[in-house]
Protein backbone atom coordinates (compact mmCIF):
# COMPACT_ATOMS: atom_id res chain seq x y z
CA UNK A 1 0.00 0.00 0.00
CA UNK A 2 1.40 3.36 -0.97
CA UNK A 3 0.80 5.69 1.98
CA UNK A 4 2.18 8.70 0.13
CA UNK A 5 -1.32 9.33 -1.20
CA UNK A 6 -2.41 10.11 2.35
CA UNK A 7 0.58 11.69 4.06
CA UNK A 8 4.20 12.69 3.59
CA UNK A 9 7.09 10.51 4.69
CA UNK A 10 8.13 13.04 7.35
CA UNK A 11 4.61 13.03 8.80
CA UNK A 12 4.71 9.24 8.98
CA UNK A 13 8.07 9.27 10.78
CA UNK A 14 6.66 11.55 13.44
CA UNK A 15 3.63 9.31 13.95
CA UNK A 16 3.71 7.45 17.29
CA UNK A 17 3.28 4.04 15.69
CA UNK A 18 5.49 4.49 12.62
CA UNK A 19 5.89 1.12 10.94
CA UNK A 20 6.77 0.05 7.44
CA UNK A 21 6.28 -3.24 5.70
CA UNK A 22 10.06 -3.60 5.97
CA UNK A 23 9.99 -3.30 9.76
CA UNK A 24 7.13 -5.81 10.00
CA UNK A 25 9.04 -8.20 7.74
CA UNK A 26 12.25 -7.79 9.74
CA UNK A 27 10.38 -8.42 13.01
CA UNK A 28 8.70 -11.53 11.62
CA UNK A 29 11.99 -12.96 10.33
CA UNK A 30 13.77 -12.21 13.60
CA UNK A 31 11.00 -13.86 15.61
CA UNK A 32 11.18 -16.96 13.40
CA UNK A 33 14.90 -17.11 14.09
CA UNK A 34 14.26 -16.63 17.84
CA UNK A 35 11.82 -19.52 17.71
CA UNK A 36 14.58 -21.80 16.45
CA UNK A 37 13.37 -22.14 12.87
CA UNK A 38 16.41 -23.03 10.75
CA UNK A 39 17.77 -20.13 8.70
CA UNK A 40 17.50 -22.14 5.50
CA UNK A 41 13.74 -22.50 6.09
CA UNK A 42 13.37 -18.80 6.87
CA UNK A 43 15.27 -18.06 3.67
CA UNK A 44 12.78 -20.10 1.65
CA UNK A 45 9.76 -18.58 3.39
CA UNK A 46 11.03 -15.03 2.91
CA UNK A 47 12.11 -15.55 -0.70
CA UNK A 48 15.72 -14.49 -0.23
CA UNK A 49 18.08 -15.98 -2.80
CA UNK A 50 20.97 -16.39 -0.38
CA UNK A 51 21.53 -16.70 3.36
CA UNK A 52 23.67 -13.55 3.13
CA UNK A 53 20.67 -11.60 1.83
CA UNK A 54 18.53 -12.98 4.65
CA UNK A 55 21.10 -12.01 7.28
CA UNK A 56 20.74 -8.35 6.31
CA UNK A 57 17.10 -8.51 7.45
CA UNK A 58 17.61 -10.35 10.72
CA UNK A 59 17.97 -8.32 13.86
CA UNK A 60 20.02 -9.58 16.77
CA UNK A 61 17.99 -9.44 19.95
CA UNK A 62 19.32 -9.15 23.48
CA UNK A 63 17.88 -12.62 24.16
CA UNK A 64 19.88 -14.08 21.25
CA UNK A 65 23.08 -12.49 22.56
CA UNK A 66 22.47 -13.83 26.07
CA UNK A 67 21.70 -17.32 24.73
CA UNK A 68 24.88 -17.30 22.64
CA UNK A 69 26.99 -16.31 25.65
CA UNK A 70 25.30 -18.95 27.80
CA UNK A 71 25.93 -21.62 25.14
CA UNK A 72 29.63 -20.73 25.02
CA UNK A 73 29.92 -20.84 28.81
CA UNK A 74 28.16 -24.21 29.00
CA UNK A 75 30.38 -25.60 26.26
CA UNK A 76 33.44 -24.34 28.12
CA UNK A 77 32.25 -26.08 31.29
CA UNK A 78 31.68 -29.35 29.45
CA UNK A 79 35.07 -29.26 27.73
CA UNK A 80 37.11 -28.31 30.79
CA UNK A 81 35.46 -30.50 33.44
């Protein structure tokens, strides 16, 4: 939907709930990744030709960072027991 018929881009940016289809798409893809859906599947669902193209859309959440750090720490504990 082309919102330019109704308002200017600067008016949209000032709106309290400014969202674009891009931001909705990015959120959906990031949430799929958070849910543990394999990246290859997300790539197919989203229509990206390559994983590199998909990675540009994925956000890194604080939860993902914390889980990655926890995984490294657990691996370290298992290796050095």
